[in-house]
PDB file of N, CA and C in Angstrom:
ATOM      1  N   UNK A   1      97.757 110.057  98.494  1.00  0.00           N
ATOM      2  CA  UNK A   1      98.808 110.881  99.092  1.00  0.00           C
ATOM      3  C   UNK A   1      98.697 112.277  98.509  1.00  0.00           C
ATOM      4  N   UNK A   2      98.285 113.222  99.310  1.00  0.00           N
ATOM      5  CA  UNK A   2      98.109 114.596  98.860  1.00  0.00           C
ATOM      6  C   UNK A   2      99.407 115.396  98.952  1.00  0.00           C
ATOM      7  N   UNK A   3     100.228 115.085  99.959  1.00  0.00           N
ATOM      8  CA  UNK A   3     101.470 115.834 100.126  1.00  0.00           C
ATOM      9  C   UNK A   3     102.458 115.343  99.076  1.00  0.00           C
ATOM     10  N   UNK A   4     103.009 116.242  98.316  1.00  0.00           N
ATOM     11  CA  UNK A   4     104.027 115.876  97.345  1.00  0.00           C
ATOM     12  C   UNK A   4     105.385 116.408  97.789  1.00  0.00           C
ATOM     13  N   UNK A   5     105.442 117.714  97.993  1.00  0.00           N
ATOM     14  CA  UNK A   5     106.715 118.339  98.327  1.00  0.00           C
ATOM     15  C   UNK A   5     106.478 119.514  99.272  1.00  0.00           C
ATOM     16  N   UNK A   6     107.358 119.641 100.262  1.00  0.00           N
ATOM     17  CA  UNK A   6     107.327 120.775 101.183  1.00  0.00           C
ATOM     18  C   UNK A   6     108.657 121.502 101.095  1.00  0.00           C
ATOM     19  N   UNK A   7     108.601 122.810 100.852  1.00  0.00           N
ATOM     20  CA  UNK A   7     109.793 123.636 100.741  1.00  0.00           C
ATOM     21  C   UNK A   7     109.944 124.472 102.003  1.00  0.00           C
ATOM     22  N   UNK A   8     111.055 124.315 102.692  1.00  0.00           N
ATOM     23  CA  UNK A   8     111.387 125.119 103.864  1.00  0.00           C
ATOM     24  C   UNK A   8     112.154 126.334 103.352  1.00  0.00           C
ATOM     25  N   UNK A   9     111.482 127.470 103.289  1.00  0.00           N
ATOM     26  CA  UNK A   9     112.042 128.656 102.640  1.00  0.00           C
ATOM     27  C   UNK A   9     113.370 129.104 103.242  1.00  0.00           C
ATOM     28  N   UNK A  10     113.411 129.303 104.550  1.00  0.00           N
ATOM     29  CA  UNK A  10     114.584 129.926 105.177  1.00  0.00           C
ATOM     30  C   UNK A  10     115.862 129.093 105.032  1.00  0.00           C
ATOM     31  N   UNK A  11     115.733 127.774 105.054  1.00  0.00           N
ATOM     32  CA  UNK A  11     116.920 126.927 104.944  1.00  0.00           C
ATOM     33  C   UNK A  11     117.056 126.320 103.543  1.00  0.00           C
ATOM     34  N   UNK A  12     116.072 126.544 102.696  1.00  0.00           N
ATOM     35  CA  UNK A  12     116.049 126.081 101.311  1.00  0.00           C
ATOM     36  C   UNK A  12     116.188 124.562 101.196  1.00  0.00           C
ATOM     37  N   UNK A  13     115.377 123.868 101.976  1.00  0.00           N
ATOM     38  CA  UNK A  13     115.285 122.407 101.913  1.00  0.00           C
ATOM     39  C   UNK A  13     113.945 122.033 101.315  1.00  0.00           C
ATOM     40  N   UNK A  14     113.904 120.891 100.626  1.00  0.00           N
ATOM     41  CA  UNK A  14     112.656 120.327 100.124  1.00  0.00           C
ATOM     42  C   UNK A  14     112.551 118.902 100.645  1.00  0.00           C
ATOM     43  N   UNK A  15     111.396 118.575 101.204  1.00  0.00           N
ATOM     44  CA  UNK A  15     111.097 117.202 101.599  1.00  0.00           C
ATOM     45  C   UNK A  15     110.123 116.649 100.568  1.00  0.00           C
ATOM     46  N   UNK A  16     110.469 115.496 100.003  1.00  0.00           N
ATOM     47  CA  UNK A  16     109.680 114.842  98.965  1.00  0.00           C
ATOM     48  C   UNK A  16     108.944 113.641  99.547  1.00  0.00           C
ATOM     49  N   UNK A  17     107.650 113.585  99.311  1.00  0.00           N
ATOM     50  CA  UNK A  17     106.813 112.469  99.741  1.00  0.00           C
ATOM     51  C   UNK A  17     106.473 111.638  98.506  1.00  0.00           C
ATOM     52  N   UNK A  18     106.813 110.344  98.484  1.00  0.00           N
ATOM     53  CA  UNK A  18     106.472 109.518  97.325  1.00  0.00           C
ATOM     54  C   UNK A  18     104.967 109.306  97.239  1.00  0.00           C
ATOM     55  N   UNK A  19     104.482 109.049  96.039  1.00  0.00           N
ATOM     56  CA  UNK A  19     103.034 108.871  95.850  1.00  0.00           C
ATOM     57  C   UNK A  19     102.535 107.541  96.393  1.00  0.00           C
ATOM     58  N   UNK A  20     103.426 106.586  96.607  1.00  0.00           N
ATOM     59  CA  UNK A  20     103.022 105.301  97.184  1.00  0.00           C
ATOM     60  C   UNK A  20     104.071 104.848  98.198  1.00  0.00           C
ATOM     61  N   UNK A  21     103.671 103.878  99.008  1.00  0.00           N
ATOM     62  CA  UNK A  21     104.610 103.269  99.934  1.00  0.00           C
ATOM     63  C   UNK A  21     104.441 103.678 101.379  1.00  0.00           C
ATOM     64  N   UNK A  22     103.614 104.689 101.643  1.00  0.00           N
ATOM     65  CA  UNK A  22     103.420 105.137 103.018  1.00  0.00           C
ATOM     66  C   UNK A  22     102.044 104.773 103.574  1.00  0.00           C
ATOM     67  N   UNK A  23     101.269 104.039 102.816  1.00  0.00           N
ATOM     68  CA  UNK A  23      99.943 103.633 103.266  1.00  0.00           C
ATOM     69  C   UNK A  23     100.074 102.834 104.564  1.00  0.00           C
ATOM     70  N   UNK A  24      99.179 103.099 105.494  1.00  0.00           N
ATOM     71  CA  UNK A  24      99.115 102.375 106.778  1.00  0.00           C
ATOM     72  C   UNK A  24     100.303 102.645 107.711  1.00  0.00           C
ATOM     73  N   UNK A  25     101.140 103.581 107.375  1.00  0.00           N
ATOM     74  CA  UNK A  25     102.264 103.918 108.248  1.00  0.00           C
ATOM     75  C   UNK A  25     101.904 105.152 109.073  1.00  0.00           C
ATOM     76  N   UNK A  26     102.409 105.241 110.313  1.00  0.00           N
ATOM     77  CA  UNK A  26     102.218 106.473 111.077  1.00  0.00           C
ATOM     78  C   UNK A  26     102.952 107.616 110.371  1.00  0.00           C
ATOM     79  N   UNK A  27     102.417 108.807 110.471  1.00  0.00           N
ATOM     80  CA  UNK A  27     102.974 109.970 109.779  1.00  0.00           C
ATOM     81  C   UNK A  27     104.474 110.141 110.027  1.00  0.00           C
ATOM     82  N   UNK A  28     104.905 110.014 111.256  1.00  0.00           N
ATOM     83  CA  UNK A  28     106.331 110.219 111.553  1.00  0.00           C
ATOM     84  C   UNK A  28     107.224 109.144 110.941  1.00  0.00           C
ATOM     85  N   UNK A  29     106.622 108.020 110.538  1.00  0.00           N
ATOM     86  CA  UNK A  29     107.382 106.934 109.914  1.00  0.00           C
ATOM     87  C   UNK A  29     107.266 106.928 108.390  1.00  0.00           C
ATOM     88  N   UNK A  30     106.615 107.959 107.813  1.00  0.00           N
ATOM     89  CA  UNK A  30     106.553 108.053 106.362  1.00  0.00           C
ATOM     90  C   UNK A  30     107.966 108.045 105.810  1.00  0.00           C
ATOM     91  N   UNK A  31     108.176 107.276 104.753  1.00  0.00           N
ATOM     92  CA  UNK A  31     109.450 107.308 104.051  1.00  0.00           C
ATOM     93  C   UNK A  31     109.461 108.518 103.135  1.00  0.00           C
ATOM     94  N   UNK A  32     110.482 109.352 103.264  1.00  0.00           N
ATOM     95  CA  UNK A  32     110.588 110.569 102.466  1.00  0.00           C
ATOM     96  C   UNK A  32     112.016 110.693 101.933  1.00  0.00           C
ATOM     97  N   UNK A  33     112.190 111.620 101.038  1.00  0.00           N
ATOM     98  CA  UNK A  33     113.510 112.016 100.564  1.00  0.00           C
ATOM     99  C   UNK A  33     113.636 113.507 100.844  1.00  0.00           C
ATOM    100  N   UNK A  34     114.852 113.993 100.958  1.00  0.00           N
ATOM    101  CA  UNK A  34     115.017 115.435 101.145  1.00  0.00           C
ATOM    102  C   UNK A  34     116.180 115.936 100.310  1.00  0.00           C
ATOM    103  N   UNK A  35     116.176 117.220 100.082  1.00  0.00           N
ATOM    104  CA  UNK A  35     117.273 117.875  99.364  1.00  0.00           C
ATOM    105  C   UNK A  35     117.563 119.204 100.029  1.00  0.00           C
ATOM    106  N   UNK A  36     118.803 119.373 100.431  1.00  0.00           N
ATOM    107  CA  UNK A  36     119.307 120.657 100.904  1.00  0.00           C
ATOM    108  C   UNK A  36     119.739 121.386  99.632  1.00  0.00           C
ATOM    109  N   UNK A  37     118.905 122.299  99.156  1.00  0.00           N
ATOM    110  CA  UNK A  37     119.153 122.957  97.873  1.00  0.00           C
ATOM    111  C   UNK A  37     120.349 123.892  97.926  1.00  0.00           C
ATOM    112  N   UNK A  38     120.688 124.410  99.096  1.00  0.00           N
ATOM    113  CA  UNK A  38     121.823 125.319  99.210  1.00  0.00           C
ATOM    114  C   UNK A  38     123.140 124.580  99.007  1.00  0.00           C
ATOM    115  N   UNK A  39     123.271 123.419  99.646  1.00  0.00           N
ATOM    116  CA  UNK A  39     124.530 122.675  99.595  1.00  0.00           C
ATOM    117  C   UNK A  39     124.461 121.427  98.717  1.00  0.00           C
ATOM    118  N   UNK A  40     123.322 121.178  98.102  1.00  0.00           N
ATOM    119  CA  UNK A  40     123.188 120.055  97.195  1.00  0.00           C
ATOM    120  C   UNK A  40     123.272 118.698  97.862  1.00  0.00           C
ATOM    121  N   UNK A  41     122.863 118.613  99.122  1.00  0.00           N
ATOM    122  CA  UNK A  41     122.925 117.347  99.845  1.00  0.00           C
ATOM    123  C   UNK A  41     121.556 116.679  99.872  1.00  0.00           C
ATOM    124  N   UNK A  42     121.590 115.339  99.869  1.00  0.00           N
ATOM    125  CA  UNK A  42     120.365 114.559  99.974  1.00  0.00           C
ATOM    126  C   UNK A  42     120.540 113.502 101.051  1.00  0.00           C
ATOM    127  N   UNK A  43     119.447 112.797 101.329  1.00  0.00           N
ATOM    128  CA  UNK A  43     119.463 111.762 102.351  1.00  0.00           C
ATOM    129  C   UNK A  43     120.358 110.605 101.922  1.00  0.00           C
ATOM    130  N   UNK A  44     120.904 109.888 102.896  1.00  0.00           N
ATOM    131  CA  UNK A  44     121.653 108.680 102.533  1.00  0.00           C
ATOM    132  C   UNK A  44     120.668 107.596 102.102  1.00  0.00           C
ATOM    133  N   UNK A  45     120.984 106.856 101.080  1.00  0.00           N
ATOM    134  CA  UNK A  45     120.087 105.806 100.614  1.00  0.00           C
ATOM    135  C   UNK A  45     118.904 106.376  99.862  1.00  0.00           C
ATOM    136  N   UNK A  46     117.862 105.569  99.716  1.00  0.00           N
ATOM    137  CA  UNK A  46     116.708 105.984  98.918  1.00  0.00           C
ATOM    138  C   UNK A  46     115.695 106.806  99.694  1.00  0.00           C
ATOM    139  N   UNK A  47     115.365 106.385 100.914  1.00  0.00           N
ATOM    140  CA  UNK A  47     114.376 107.107 101.722  1.00  0.00           C
ATOM    141  C   UNK A  47     114.817 107.119 103.170  1.00  0.00           C
ATOM    142  N   UNK A  48     114.254 108.057 103.895  1.00  0.00           N
ATOM    143  CA  UNK A  48     114.528 108.213 105.320  1.00  0.00           C
ATOM    144  C   UNK A  48     113.188 108.505 105.982  1.00  0.00           C
ATOM    145  N   UNK A  49     113.002 108.105 107.222  1.00  0.00           N
ATOM    146  CA  UNK A  49     111.739 108.395 107.912  1.00  0.00           C
ATOM    147  C   UNK A  49     111.584 109.901 108.124  1.00  0.00           C
ATOM    148  N   UNK A  50     110.350 110.382 108.007  1.00  0.00           N
ATOM    149  CA  UNK A  50     110.062 111.799 108.203  1.00  0.00           C
ATOM    150  C   UNK A  50     110.601 112.296 109.538  1.00  0.00           C
ATOM    151  N   UNK A  51     110.439 111.523 110.614  1.00  0.00           N
ATOM    152  CA  UNK A  51     110.891 111.973 111.934  1.00  0.00           C
ATOM    153  C   UNK A  51     112.395 112.195 111.958  1.00  0.00           C
ATOM    154  N   UNK A  52     113.148 111.404 111.182  1.00  0.00           N
ATOM    155  CA  UNK A  52     114.598 111.586 111.122  1.00  0.00           C
ATOM    156  C   UNK A  52     114.972 112.897 110.437  1.00  0.00           C
ATOM    157  N   UNK A  53     114.219 113.267 109.415  1.00  0.00           N
ATOM    158  CA  UNK A  53     114.463 114.548 108.753  1.00  0.00           C
ATOM    159  C   UNK A  53     114.102 115.695 109.696  1.00  0.00           C
ATOM    160  N   UNK A  54     112.962 115.586 110.379  1.00  0.00           N
ATOM    161  CA  UNK A  54     112.531 116.650 111.281  1.00  0.00           C
ATOM    162  C   UNK A  54     113.455 116.797 112.485  1.00  0.00           C
ATOM    163  N   UNK A  55     114.243 115.777 112.774  1.00  0.00           N
ATOM    164  CA  UNK A  55     115.189 115.813 113.892  1.00  0.00           C
ATOM    165  C   UNK A  55     116.531 116.439 113.513  1.00  0.00           C
ATOM    166  N   UNK A  56     116.730 116.724 112.253  1.00  0.00           N
ATOM    167  CA  UNK A  56     118.000 117.316 111.816  1.00  0.00           C
ATOM    168  C   UNK A  56     118.114 118.735 112.363  1.00  0.00           C
ATOM    169  N   UNK A  57     119.312 119.112 112.808  1.00  0.00           N
ATOM    170  CA  UNK A  57     119.492 120.410 113.473  1.00  0.00           C
ATOM    171  C   UNK A  57     118.965 121.621 112.709  1.00  0.00           C
ATOM    172  N   UNK A  58     119.144 121.682 111.387  1.00  0.00           N
ATOM    173  CA  UNK A  58     118.663 122.855 110.650  1.00  0.00           C
ATOM    174  C   UNK A  58     117.150 122.992 110.686  1.00  0.00           C
ATOM    175  N   UNK A  59     116.453 121.894 110.839  1.00  0.00           N
ATOM    176  CA  UNK A  59     114.997 121.965 110.965  1.00  0.00           C
ATOM    177  C   UNK A  59     114.618 122.102 112.434  1.00  0.00           C
ATOM    178  N   UNK A  60     115.097 121.186 113.254  1.00  0.00           N
ATOM    179  CA  UNK A  60     114.710 121.113 114.667  1.00  0.00           C
ATOM    180  C   UNK A  60     115.062 122.370 115.461  1.00  0.00           C
ATOM    181  N   UNK A  61     116.204 122.962 115.208  1.00  0.00           N
ATOM    182  CA  UNK A  61     116.698 124.062 116.042  1.00  0.00           C
ATOM    183  C   UNK A  61     116.401 125.454 115.511  1.00  0.00           C
ATOM    184  N   UNK A  62     115.712 125.545 114.374  1.00  0.00           N
ATOM    185  CA  UNK A  62     115.521 126.875 113.792  1.00  0.00           C
ATOM    186  C   UNK A  62     114.079 127.220 113.459  1.00  0.00           C
ATOM    187  N   UNK A  63     113.137 126.699 114.244  1.00  0.00           N
ATOM    188  CA  UNK A  63     111.746 127.144 114.105  1.00  0.00           C
ATOM    189  C   UNK A  63     111.673 128.592 114.542  1.00  0.00           C
ATOM    190  N   UNK A  64     110.784 129.383 113.979  1.00  0.00           N
ATOM    191  CA  UNK A  64     109.749 129.010 113.015  1.00  0.00           C
ATOM    192  C   UNK A  64     110.315 128.869 111.603  1.00  0.00           C
ATOM    193  N   UNK A  65     109.601 128.087 110.782  1.00  0.00           N
ATOM    194  CA  UNK A  65     109.917 127.896 109.369  1.00  0.00           C
ATOM    195  C   UNK A  65     108.718 128.344 108.549  1.00  0.00           C
ATOM    196  N   UNK A  66     109.005 128.924 107.405  1.00  0.00           N
ATOM    197  CA  UNK A  66     107.970 129.191 106.417  1.00  0.00           C
ATOM    198  C   UNK A  66     108.017 128.015 105.456  1.00  0.00           C
ATOM    199  N   UNK A  67     106.874 127.339 105.295  1.00  0.00           N
ATOM    200  CA  UNK A  67     106.839 126.118 104.511  1.00  0.00           C
ATOM    201  C   UNK A  67     105.812 126.253 103.404  1.00  0.00           C
ATOM    202  N   UNK A  68     106.251 125.959 102.189  1.00  0.00           N
ATOM    203  CA  UNK A  68     105.361 125.970 101.042  1.00  0.00           C
ATOM    204  C   UNK A  68     105.084 124.561 100.565  1.00  0.00           C
ATOM    205  N   UNK A  69     103.817 124.248 100.388  1.00  0.00           N
ATOM    206  CA  UNK A  69     103.402 122.956  99.844  1.00  0.00           C
ATOM    207  C   UNK A  69     103.198 123.136  98.346  1.00  0.00           C
ATOM    208  N   UNK A  70     103.837 122.263  97.550  1.00  0.00           N
ATOM    209  CA  UNK A  70     103.679 122.337  96.104  1.00  0.00           C
ATOM    210  C   UNK A  70     103.696 120.935  95.505  1.00  0.00           C
ATOM    211  N   UNK A  71     103.148 120.827  94.318  1.00  0.00           N
ATOM    212  CA  UNK A  71     103.142 119.537  93.629  1.00  0.00           C
ATOM    213  C   UNK A  71     104.143 119.516  92.487  1.00  0.00           C
ATOM    214  N   UNK A  72     104.345 120.635  91.837  1.00  0.00           N
ATOM    215  CA  UNK A  72     105.240 120.697  90.680  1.00  0.00           C
ATOM    216  C   UNK A  72     106.186 121.890  90.810  1.00  0.00           C
ATOM    217  N   UNK A  73     107.328 121.768  90.170  1.00  0.00           N
ATOM    218  CA  UNK A  73     108.275 122.878  90.102  1.00  0.00           C
ATOM    219  C   UNK A  73     108.911 122.857  88.730  1.00  0.00           C
ATOM    220  N   UNK A  74     109.626 123.917  88.425  1.00  0.00           N
ATOM    221  CA  UNK A  74     110.311 123.981  87.143  1.00  0.00           C
ATOM    222  C   UNK A  74     111.698 124.567  87.349  1.00  0.00           C
ATOM    223  N   UNK A  75     112.570 124.337  86.408  1.00  0.00           N
ATOM    224  CA  UNK A  75     113.918 124.878  86.438  1.00  0.00           C
ATOM    225  C   UNK A  75     114.820 124.153  87.419  1.00  0.00           C
ATOM    226  N   UNK A  76     116.087 124.509  87.367  1.00  0.00           N
ATOM    227  CA  UNK A  76     117.089 123.935  88.259  1.00  0.00           C
ATOM    228  C   UNK A  76     117.982 125.047  88.783  1.00  0.00           C
ATOM    229  N   UNK A  77     118.658 124.740  89.887  1.00  0.00           N
ATOM    230  CA  UNK A  77     119.583 125.716  90.455  1.00  0.00           C
ATOM    231  C   UNK A  77     118.892 127.023  90.776  1.00  0.00           C
ATOM    232  N   UNK A  78     119.492 128.121  90.354  1.00  0.00           N
ATOM    233  CA  UNK A  78     118.917 129.447  90.617  1.00  0.00           C
ATOM    234  C   UNK A  78     117.596 129.678  89.901  1.00  0.00           C
ATOM    235  N   UNK A  79     117.349 128.921  88.841  1.00  0.00           N
ATOM    236  CA  UNK A  79     116.120 129.073  88.061  1.00  0.00           C
ATOM    237  C   UNK A  79     114.969 128.228  88.594  1.00  0.00           C
ATOM    238  N   UNK A  80     115.212 127.500  89.693  1.00  0.00           N
ATOM    239  CA  UNK A  80     114.169 126.653  90.279  1.00  0.00           C
ATOM    240  C   UNK A  80     113.012 127.510  90.765  1.00  0.00           C
ATOM    241  N   UNK A  81     111.797 127.073  90.447  1.00  0.00           N
ATOM    242  CA  UNK A  81     110.603 127.813  90.860  1.00  0.00           C
ATOM    243  C   UNK A  81     109.478 126.822  91.117  1.00  0.00           C
ATOM    244  N   UNK A  82     108.857 126.957  92.261  1.00  0.00           N
ATOM    245  CA  UNK A  82     107.716 126.110  92.600  1.00  0.00           C
ATOM    246  C   UNK A  82     106.443 126.943  92.574  1.00  0.00           C
ATOM    247  N   UNK A  83     105.350 126.328  92.177  1.00  0.00           N
ATOM    248  CA  UNK A  83     104.039 126.966  92.269  1.00  0.00           C
ATOM    249  C   UNK A  83     103.379 126.416  93.522  1.00  0.00           C
ATOM    250  N   UNK A  84     103.261 127.265  94.535  1.00  0.00           N
ATOM    251  CA  UNK A  84     102.785 126.832  95.844  1.00  0.00           C
ATOM    252  C   UNK A  84     101.268 126.766  95.899  1.00  0.00           C
ATOM    253  N   UNK A  85     100.786 125.691  96.511  1.00  0.00           N
ATOM    254  CA  UNK A  85      99.364 125.515  96.742  1.00  0.00           C
ATOM    255  C   UNK A  85      98.983 126.186  98.056  1.00  0.00           C
ATOM    256  N   UNK A  86      99.890 126.123  99.026  1.00  0.00           N
ATOM    257  CA  UNK A  86      99.660 126.721 100.339  1.00  0.00           C
ATOM    258  C   UNK A  86     101.010 127.048 100.956  1.00  0.00           C
ATOM    259  N   UNK A  87     101.062 128.114 101.709  1.00  0.00           N
ATOM    260  CA  UNK A  87     102.264 128.525 102.434  1.00  0.00           C
ATOM    261  C   UNK A  87     101.853 128.827 103.862  1.00  0.00           C
ATOM    262  N   UNK A  88     102.617 128.274 104.817  1.00  0.00           N
ATOM    263  CA  UNK A  88     102.316 128.506 106.237  1.00  0.00           C
ATOM    264  C   UNK A  88     103.595 128.789 107.002  1.00  0.00           C
ATOM    265  N   UNK A  89     103.434 129.584 108.030  1.00  0.00           N
ATOM    266  CA  UNK A  89     104.510 129.816 108.996  1.00  0.00           C
ATOM    267  C   UNK A  89     104.290 128.812 110.120  1.00  0.00           C
ATOM    268  N   UNK A  90     105.277 127.959 110.361  1.00  0.00           N
ATOM    269  CA  UNK A  90     105.172 126.862 111.319  1.00  0.00           C
ATOM    270  C   UNK A  90     106.115 127.128 112.481  1.00  0.00           C
ATOM    271  N   UNK A  91     105.602 127.055 113.712  1.00  0.00           N
ATOM    272  CA  UNK A  91     106.387 127.401 114.903  1.00  0.00           C
ATOM    273  C   UNK A  91     107.071 126.221 115.578  1.00  0.00           C
ATOM    274  N   UNK A  92     106.615 124.982 115.283  1.00  0.00           N
ATOM    275  CA  UNK A  92     107.210 123.825 115.951  1.00  0.00           C
ATOM    276  C   UNK A  92     106.849 122.554 115.186  1.00  0.00           C
ATOM    277  N   UNK A  93     107.423 121.441 115.610  1.00  0.00           N
ATOM    278  CA  UNK A  93     107.200 120.169 114.937  1.00  0.00           C
ATOM    279  C   UNK A  93     105.727 119.753 114.973  1.00  0.00           C
ATOM    280  N   UNK A  94     105.065 119.989 116.086  1.00  0.00           N
ATOM    281  CA  UNK A  94     103.645 119.640 116.204  1.00  0.00           C
ATOM    282  C   UNK A  94     102.828 120.358 115.126  1.00  0.00           C
ATOM    283  N   UNK A  95     103.062 121.655 114.941  1.00  0.00           N
ATOM    284  CA  UNK A  95     102.337 122.407 113.911  1.00  0.00           C
ATOM    285  C   UNK A  95     102.650 121.877 112.517  1.00  0.00           C
ATOM    286  N   UNK A  96     103.891 121.480 112.288  1.00  0.00           N
ATOM    287  CA  UNK A  96     104.257 120.932 110.985  1.00  0.00           C
ATOM    288  C   UNK A  96     103.515 119.626 110.720  1.00  0.00           C
ATOM    289  N   UNK A  97     103.473 118.742 111.708  1.00  0.00           N
ATOM    290  CA  UNK A  97     102.754 117.481 111.541  1.00  0.00           C
ATOM    291  C   UNK A  97     101.257 117.726 111.320  1.00  0.00           C
ATOM    292  N   UNK A  98     100.695 118.722 112.010  1.00  0.00           N
ATOM    293  CA  UNK A  98      99.280 119.069 111.805  1.00  0.00           C
ATOM    294  C   UNK A  98      99.047 119.604 110.392  1.00  0.00           C
ATOM    295  N   UNK A  99      99.963 120.395 109.872  1.00  0.00           N
ATOM    296  CA  UNK A  99      99.870 120.914 108.507  1.00  0.00           C
ATOM    297  C   UNK A  99      99.865 119.754 107.513  1.00  0.00           C
ATOM    298  N   UNK A 100     100.758 118.792 107.708  1.00  0.00           N
ATOM    299  CA  UNK A 100     100.812 117.624 106.831  1.00  0.00           C
ATOM    300  C   UNK A 100      99.508 116.834 106.914  1.00  0.00           C
ATOM    301  N   UNK A 101      98.970 116.672 108.120  1.00  0.00           N
ATOM    302  CA  UNK A 101      97.705 115.956 108.293  1.00  0.00           C
ATOM    303  C   UNK A 101      96.575 116.670 107.553  1.00  0.00           C
ATOM    304  N   UNK A 102      96.541 118.012 107.623  1.00  0.00           N
ATOM    305  CA  UNK A 102      95.523 118.793 106.911  1.00  0.00           C
ATOM    306  C   UNK A 102      95.595 118.513 105.425  1.00  0.00           C
ATOM    307  N   UNK A 103      96.800 118.508 104.893  1.00  0.00           N
ATOM    308  CA  UNK A 103      96.983 118.248 103.457  1.00  0.00           C
ATOM    309  C   UNK A 103      96.507 116.841 103.131  1.00  0.00           C
ATOM    310  N   UNK A 104      96.898 115.893 103.954  1.00  0.00           N
ATOM    311  CA  UNK A 104      96.506 114.503 103.724  1.00  0.00           C
ATOM    312  C   UNK A 104      94.988 114.318 103.740  1.00  0.00           C
ATOM    313  N   UNK A 105      94.288 115.103 104.532  1.00  0.00           N
ATOM    314  CA  UNK A 105      92.835 114.992 104.623  1.00  0.00           C
ATOM    315  C   UNK A 105      92.112 115.751 103.505  1.00  0.00           C
ATOM    316  N   UNK A 106      92.863 116.277 102.561  1.00  0.00           N
ATOM    317  CA  UNK A 106      92.232 116.893 101.396  1.00  0.00           C
ATOM    318  C   UNK A 106      92.310 118.394 101.330  1.00  0.00           C
ATOM    319  N   UNK A 107      93.010 119.015 102.279  1.00  0.00           N
ATOM    320  CA  UNK A 107      93.188 120.470 102.248  1.00  0.00           C
ATOM    321  C   UNK A 107      93.856 120.867 100.934  1.00  0.00           C
ATOM    322  N   UNK A 108      93.255 121.804 100.244  1.00  0.00           N
ATOM    323  CA  UNK A 108      93.863 122.338  99.041  1.00  0.00           C
ATOM    324  C   UNK A 108      93.601 121.534  97.779  1.00  0.00           C
ATOM    325  N   UNK A 109      92.881 120.442  97.864  1.00  0.00           N
ATOM    326  CA  UNK A 109      92.615 119.657  96.657  1.00  0.00           C
ATOM    327  C   UNK A 109      91.359 120.131  95.960  1.00  0.00           C
TER     328      UNK A 109
END
């Protein structure tokens, strides 16, 4: 699993991909966690399918998004800082899924 975390800059959300548990699953059915960093909200329960997160109004209705892929971050709250491996401007859900596929195939490793 190459994708660890994706940061949606404009809405300040992070989607977390676990290192295990998504093998043999279709990309849209990957179990993920998310955090709305502005309002401190997270998904209900432990994991939610990626497609359910991408269907949320703040993501679905406000493309384009600037998305940063990172593996590690430091600090909390206002001091939070991620070291980005790649940053892309994404215009729609299809482009986002393609970006994730690129990462999964070894982009940036």
